[in-house]
Amino acid sequence: MAARLGEPRAVDDVMQDVALAAVRQQAPLRNPARAAAWLYRLAVRHVLMYRRRAGRGRSFLKRYAGHGGWHPPDHASPLGWLLSDERQKLVQDALKRLPERDAQILMLKHTEGFSAREIADRLGTAVNTIEARLSRARKRLREELRMLVTDHETQAPEPSRDER
């Protein structure tokens, strides 16, 4: 598994996932002699899921860090603090305006770091359903953010006498 993962520190996490999946297996093995092969397939499947999640995380960071779409907040300046707080408040306000189900799915995905499969297991629905709901929820969140930013810009304070 270490060779397939490429990350020695990830082996323990994946092995724990494999052990949990093996314990959750409710159907008894028909042929106990094939238990090793079954565990091997289970381990390979979990390695692939881990690599997929890790790859998505890396591509997310590259996409936003490389193109100027996302920068860690500049906490060295007061302006950095204000802008970071303002962005955070806008996102929280937009989440409050979403239907409860959409906000819940987005929070599980982006705050808790759950995969679509983990969310589906937790909510008792199909993975395809969760993926479709995530897509719609992201679209609604973008629309809410657009409206909030537009509202915020139109409510800008009038310039002071000194600025006129």
C-alpha atoms as a PDB file:
ATOM      1  CA  MET A   1       0.000   0.000   0.000  1.00  0.00           C
ATOM      2  CA  ALA A   2       2.836   2.402   0.761  1.00  0.00           C
ATOM      3  CA  ALA A   3       4.083   2.076  -2.813  1.00  0.00           C
ATOM      4  CA  ARG A   4       0.624   2.751  -4.250  1.00  0.00           C
ATOM      5  CA  LEU A   5       0.015   5.713  -1.965  1.00  0.00           C
ATOM      6  CA  GLY A   6       3.367   7.393  -2.419  1.00  0.00           C
ATOM      7  CA  GLU A   7       2.952   8.996   1.011  1.00  0.00           C
ATOM      8  CA  PRO A   8       4.220   6.929   3.948  1.00  0.00           C
ATOM      9  CA  ARG A   9       2.246   8.947   6.493  1.00  0.00           C
ATOM     10  CA  ALA A  10      -1.031   8.222   4.666  1.00  0.00           C
ATOM     11  CA  VAL A  11      -0.713   4.444   5.100  1.00  0.00           C
ATOM     12  CA  ASP A  12      -2.127   4.492   8.642  1.00  0.00           C
ATOM     13  CA  ASP A  13      -5.150   6.544   7.590  1.00  0.00           C
ATOM     14  CA  VAL A  14      -5.937   4.288   4.639  1.00  0.00           C
ATOM     15  CA  MET A  15      -5.411   1.126   6.697  1.00  0.00           C
ATOM     16  CA  GLN A  16      -7.859   2.446   9.268  1.00  0.00           C
ATOM     17  CA  ASP A  17     -10.393   3.136   6.498  1.00  0.00           C
ATOM     18  CA  VAL A  18      -9.902  -0.409   5.172  1.00  0.00           C
ATOM     19  CA  ALA A  19     -10.370  -1.902   8.640  1.00  0.00           C
ATOM     20  CA  LEU A  20     -13.564   0.102   9.182  1.00  0.00           C
ATOM     21  CA  ALA A  21     -14.910  -0.920   5.777  1.00  0.00           C
ATOM     22  CA  ALA A  22     -14.142  -4.577   6.528  1.00  0.00           C
ATOM     23  CA  VAL A  23     -15.946  -4.358   9.864  1.00  0.00           C
ATOM     24  CA  ARG A  24     -18.947  -2.644   8.235  1.00  0.00           C
ATOM     25  CA  GLN A  25     -19.249  -5.463   5.700  1.00  0.00           C
ATOM     26  CA  GLN A  26     -22.545  -7.096   6.599  1.00  0.00           C
ATOM     27  CA  ALA A  27     -22.592  -9.989   4.127  1.00  0.00           C
ATOM     28  CA  PRO A  28     -20.578 -12.987   5.359  1.00  0.00           C
ATOM     29  CA  LEU A  29     -17.813 -14.280   3.132  1.00  0.00           C
ATOM     30  CA  ARG A  30     -18.997 -17.336   1.255  1.00  0.00           C
ATOM     31  CA  ASN A  31     -15.510 -18.704   0.820  1.00  0.00           C
ATOM     32  CA  PRO A  32     -13.162 -17.831   3.717  1.00  0.00           C
ATOM     33  CA  ALA A  33     -10.183 -18.893   1.602  1.00  0.00           C
ATOM     34  CA  ARG A  34     -10.773 -15.816  -0.565  1.00  0.00           C
ATOM     35  CA  ALA A  35     -10.665 -13.378   2.358  1.00  0.00           C
ATOM     36  CA  ALA A  36      -7.142 -12.240   1.483  1.00  0.00           C
ATOM     37  CA  ALA A  37      -8.135 -11.395  -2.095  1.00  0.00           C
ATOM     38  CA  TRP A  38     -11.223  -9.562  -0.867  1.00  0.00           C
ATOM     39  CA  LEU A  39      -9.166  -7.518   1.620  1.00  0.00           C
ATOM     40  CA  TYR A  40      -6.623  -6.736  -1.096  1.00  0.00           C
ATOM     41  CA  ARG A  41      -9.340  -5.408  -3.440  1.00  0.00           C
ATOM     42  CA  LEU A  42     -10.810  -3.427  -0.567  1.00  0.00           C
ATOM     43  CA  ALA A  43      -7.398  -1.919   0.221  1.00  0.00           C
ATOM     44  CA  VAL A  44      -6.747  -1.015  -3.430  1.00  0.00           C
ATOM     45  CA  ARG A  45     -10.157   0.651  -3.657  1.00  0.00           C
ATOM     46  CA  HIS A  46      -9.443   2.738  -0.550  1.00  0.00           C
ATOM     47  CA  VAL A  47      -5.985   3.685  -1.839  1.00  0.00           C
ATOM     48  CA  LEU A  48      -7.554   4.911  -5.074  1.00  0.00           C
ATOM     49  CA  MET A  49     -10.197   6.898  -3.178  1.00  0.00           C
ATOM     50  CA  TYR A  50      -7.486   8.465  -1.008  1.00  0.00           C
ATOM     51  CA  ARG A  51      -5.393   9.422  -4.045  1.00  0.00           C
ATOM     52  CA  ARG A  52      -8.446  10.897  -5.765  1.00  0.00           C
ATOM     53  CA  ARG A  53      -9.248  13.037  -2.707  1.00  0.00           C
ATOM     54  CA  ALA A  54      -5.620  14.124  -2.381  1.00  0.00           C
ATOM     55  CA  GLY A  55      -5.462  14.965  -6.092  1.00  0.00           C
ATOM     56  CA  ARG A  56      -8.600  17.074  -5.863  1.00  0.00           C
ATOM     57  CA  GLY A  57      -7.121  18.934  -2.942  1.00  0.00           C
ATOM     58  CA  ARG A  58      -3.879  19.610  -4.814  1.00  0.00           C
ATOM     59  CA  SER A  59      -5.677  20.733  -7.972  1.00  0.00           C
ATOM     60  CA  PHE A  60      -7.892  23.025  -5.884  1.00  0.00           C
ATOM     61  CA  LEU A  61      -4.850  24.657  -4.296  1.00  0.00           C
ATOM     62  CA  LYS A  62      -3.033  24.982  -7.628  1.00  0.00           C
ATOM     63  CA  ARG A  63      -6.073  26.450  -9.322  1.00  0.00           C
ATOM     64  CA  TYR A  64      -6.608  29.149  -6.722  1.00  0.00           C
ATOM     65  CA  ALA A  65      -3.074  29.792  -5.560  1.00  0.00           C
ATOM     66  CA  GLY A  66      -1.630  29.888  -9.074  1.00  0.00           C
ATOM     67  CA  HIS A  67      -4.145  32.193 -10.703  1.00  0.00           C
ATOM     68  CA  GLY A  68      -4.590  34.803  -8.051  1.00  0.00           C
ATOM     69  CA  GLY A  69      -8.085  33.571  -7.221  1.00  0.00           C
ATOM     70  CA  TRP A  70      -7.238  32.861  -3.634  1.00  0.00           C
ATOM     71  CA  HIS A  71      -4.588  34.176  -1.299  1.00  0.00           C
ATOM     72  CA  PRO A  72      -4.179  33.514   2.373  1.00  0.00           C
ATOM     73  CA  PRO A  73      -5.438  36.525   4.309  1.00  0.00           C
ATOM     74  CA  ASP A  74      -2.850  39.205   4.882  1.00  0.00           C
ATOM     75  CA  HIS A  75      -3.066  39.461   8.642  1.00  0.00           C
ATOM     76  CA  ALA A  76      -0.123  41.825   8.816  1.00  0.00           C
ATOM     77  CA  SER A  77      -2.253  44.802   7.884  1.00  0.00           C
ATOM     78  CA  PRO A  78      -5.540  46.092   9.298  1.00  0.00           C
ATOM     79  CA  LEU A  79      -6.923  46.269   5.760  1.00  0.00           C
ATOM     80  CA  GLY A  80      -6.179  42.570   5.343  1.00  0.00           C
ATOM     81  CA  TRP A  81      -8.116  41.797   8.511  1.00  0.00           C
ATOM     82  CA  LEU A  82     -11.074  43.917   7.409  1.00  0.00           C
ATOM     83  CA  LEU A  83     -11.249  42.405   3.926  1.00  0.00           C
ATOM     84  CA  SER A  84     -10.954  38.874   5.295  1.00  0.00           C
ATOM     85  CA  ASP A  85     -13.702  39.513   7.839  1.00  0.00           C
ATOM     86  CA  GLU A  86     -15.911  41.137   5.204  1.00  0.00           C
ATOM     87  CA  ARG A  87     -15.532  38.181   2.825  1.00  0.00           C
ATOM     88  CA  GLN A  88     -16.284  35.746   5.619  1.00  0.00           C
ATOM     89  CA  LYS A  89     -19.409  37.682   6.605  1.00  0.00           C
ATOM     90  CA  LEU A  90     -20.622  37.785   2.993  1.00  0.00           C
ATOM     91  CA  VAL A  91     -20.257  34.003   2.671  1.00  0.00           C
ATOM     92  CA  GLN A  92     -22.032  33.431   6.000  1.00  0.00           C
ATOM     93  CA  ASP A  93     -24.869  35.746   4.953  1.00  0.00           C
ATOM     94  CA  ALA A  94     -25.184  33.971   1.599  1.00  0.00           C
ATOM     95  CA  LEU A  95     -25.290  30.576   3.340  1.00  0.00           C
ATOM     96  CA  LYS A  96     -28.078  31.811   5.619  1.00  0.00           C
ATOM     97  CA  ARG A  97     -30.126  32.764   2.567  1.00  0.00           C
ATOM     98  CA  LEU A  98     -29.828  29.257   1.053  1.00  0.00           C
ATOM     99  CA  PRO A  99     -32.302  26.469   1.748  1.00  0.00           C
ATOM    100  CA  GLU A 100     -31.274  24.434   4.824  1.00  0.00           C
ATOM    101  CA  ARG A 101     -30.443  21.322   2.764  1.00  0.00           C
ATOM    102  CA  ASP A 102     -28.115  23.241   0.425  1.00  0.00           C
ATOM    103  CA  ALA A 103     -26.289  24.948   3.279  1.00  0.00           C
ATOM    104  CA  GLN A 104     -25.889  21.649   5.115  1.00  0.00           C
ATOM    105  CA  ILE A 105     -24.402  19.866   2.102  1.00  0.00           C
ATOM    106  CA  LEU A 106     -22.016  22.735   1.359  1.00  0.00           C
ATOM    107  CA  MET A 107     -20.865  22.862   4.974  1.00  0.00           C
ATOM    108  CA  LEU A 108     -20.239  19.109   5.069  1.00  0.00           C
ATOM    109  CA  LYS A 109     -18.294  19.253   1.824  1.00  0.00           C
ATOM    110  CA  HIS A 110     -16.222  22.393   2.276  1.00  0.00           C
ATOM    111  CA  THR A 111     -15.976  22.871   6.031  1.00  0.00           C
ATOM    112  CA  GLU A 112     -15.823  19.278   7.216  1.00  0.00           C
ATOM    113  CA  GLY A 113     -14.014  18.004   4.095  1.00  0.00           C
ATOM    114  CA  PHE A 114     -16.416  15.104   3.494  1.00  0.00           C
ATOM    115  CA  SER A 115     -16.475  13.381   0.113  1.00  0.00           C
ATOM    116  CA  ALA A 116     -19.741  13.016  -1.790  1.00  0.00           C
ATOM    117  CA  ARG A 117     -19.830   9.361  -0.726  1.00  0.00           C
ATOM    118  CA  GLU A 118     -19.394  10.280   2.944  1.00  0.00           C
ATOM    119  CA  ILE A 119     -22.147  12.884   2.696  1.00  0.00           C
ATOM    120  CA  ALA A 120     -24.423  10.367   0.969  1.00  0.00           C
ATOM    121  CA  ASP A 121     -23.769   7.814   3.714  1.00  0.00           C
ATOM    122  CA  ARG A 122     -24.437  10.380   6.403  1.00  0.00           C
ATOM    123  CA  LEU A 123     -27.682  11.627   4.816  1.00  0.00           C
ATOM    124  CA  GLY A 124     -28.843   8.228   3.574  1.00  0.00           C
ATOM    125  CA  THR A 125     -29.035   9.152  -0.119  1.00  0.00           C
ATOM    126  CA  ALA A 126     -27.294   8.105  -3.324  1.00  0.00           C
ATOM    127  CA  VAL A 127     -23.903   9.574  -4.251  1.00  0.00           C
ATOM    128  CA  ASN A 128     -25.256  10.838  -7.594  1.00  0.00           C
ATOM    129  CA  THR A 129     -28.000  12.687  -5.739  1.00  0.00           C
ATOM    130  CA  ILE A 130     -25.448  14.368  -3.471  1.00  0.00           C
ATOM    131  CA  GLU A 131     -23.269  15.374  -6.438  1.00  0.00           C
ATOM    132  CA  ALA A 132     -26.274  16.937  -8.191  1.00  0.00           C
ATOM    133  CA  ARG A 133     -27.332  18.724  -4.989  1.00  0.00           C
ATOM    134  CA  LEU A 134     -23.776  20.012  -4.472  1.00  0.00           C
ATOM    135  CA  SER A 135     -23.727  21.403  -7.988  1.00  0.00           C
ATOM    136  CA  ARG A 136     -27.070  23.160  -7.523  1.00  0.00           C
ATOM    137  CA  ALA A 137     -26.100  24.405  -4.052  1.00  0.00           C
ATOM    138  CA  ARG A 138     -22.845  25.898  -5.365  1.00  0.00           C
ATOM    139  CA  LYS A 139     -24.740  27.618  -8.152  1.00  0.00           C
ATOM    140  CA  ARG A 140     -27.255  29.056  -5.668  1.00  0.00           C
ATOM    141  CA  LEU A 141     -24.427  30.178  -3.371  1.00  0.00           C
ATOM    142  CA  ARG A 142     -22.700  31.987  -6.268  1.00  0.00           C
ATOM    143  CA  GLU A 143     -25.986  33.718  -7.130  1.00  0.00           C
ATOM    144  CA  GLU A 144     -26.557  34.759  -3.513  1.00  0.00           C
ATOM    145  CA  LEU A 145     -23.004  36.076  -3.243  1.00  0.00           C
ATOM    146  CA  ARG A 146     -23.441  38.033  -6.474  1.00  0.00           C
ATOM    147  CA  MET A 147     -26.641  39.599  -5.147  1.00  0.00           C
ATOM    148  CA  LEU A 148     -25.081  40.401  -1.768  1.00  0.00           C
ATOM    149  CA  VAL A 149     -22.023  41.986  -3.355  1.00  0.00           C
ATOM    150  CA  THR A 150     -24.226  44.022  -5.697  1.00  0.00           C
ATOM    151  CA  ASP A 151     -26.380  45.146  -2.762  1.00  0.00           C
ATOM    152  CA  HIS A 152     -23.282  45.966  -0.745  1.00  0.00           C
ATOM    153  CA  GLU A 153     -21.797  48.045  -3.570  1.00  0.00           C
ATOM    154  CA  THR A 154     -25.009  50.007  -4.135  1.00  0.00           C
ATOM    155  CA  GLN A 155     -25.219  50.834  -0.430  1.00  0.00           C
ATOM    156  CA  ALA A 156     -21.742  52.365  -0.367  1.00  0.00           C
ATOM    157  CA  PRO A 157     -21.593  55.418   1.891  1.00  0.00           C
ATOM    158  CA  GLU A 158     -21.655  58.811   0.276  1.00  0.00           C
ATOM    159  CA  PRO A 159     -18.270  60.494   0.035  1.00  0.00           C
ATOM    160  CA  SER A 160     -17.438  62.898   2.832  1.00  0.00           C
ATOM    161  CA  ARG A 161     -17.122  66.626   2.203  1.00  0.00           C
ATOM    162  CA  ASP A 162     -13.345  66.278   2.114  1.00  0.00           C
ATOM    163  CA  GLU A 163     -13.530  63.664  -0.665  1.00  0.00           C
ATOM    164  CA  ARG A 164     -15.815  65.766  -2.920  1.00  0.00           C
END
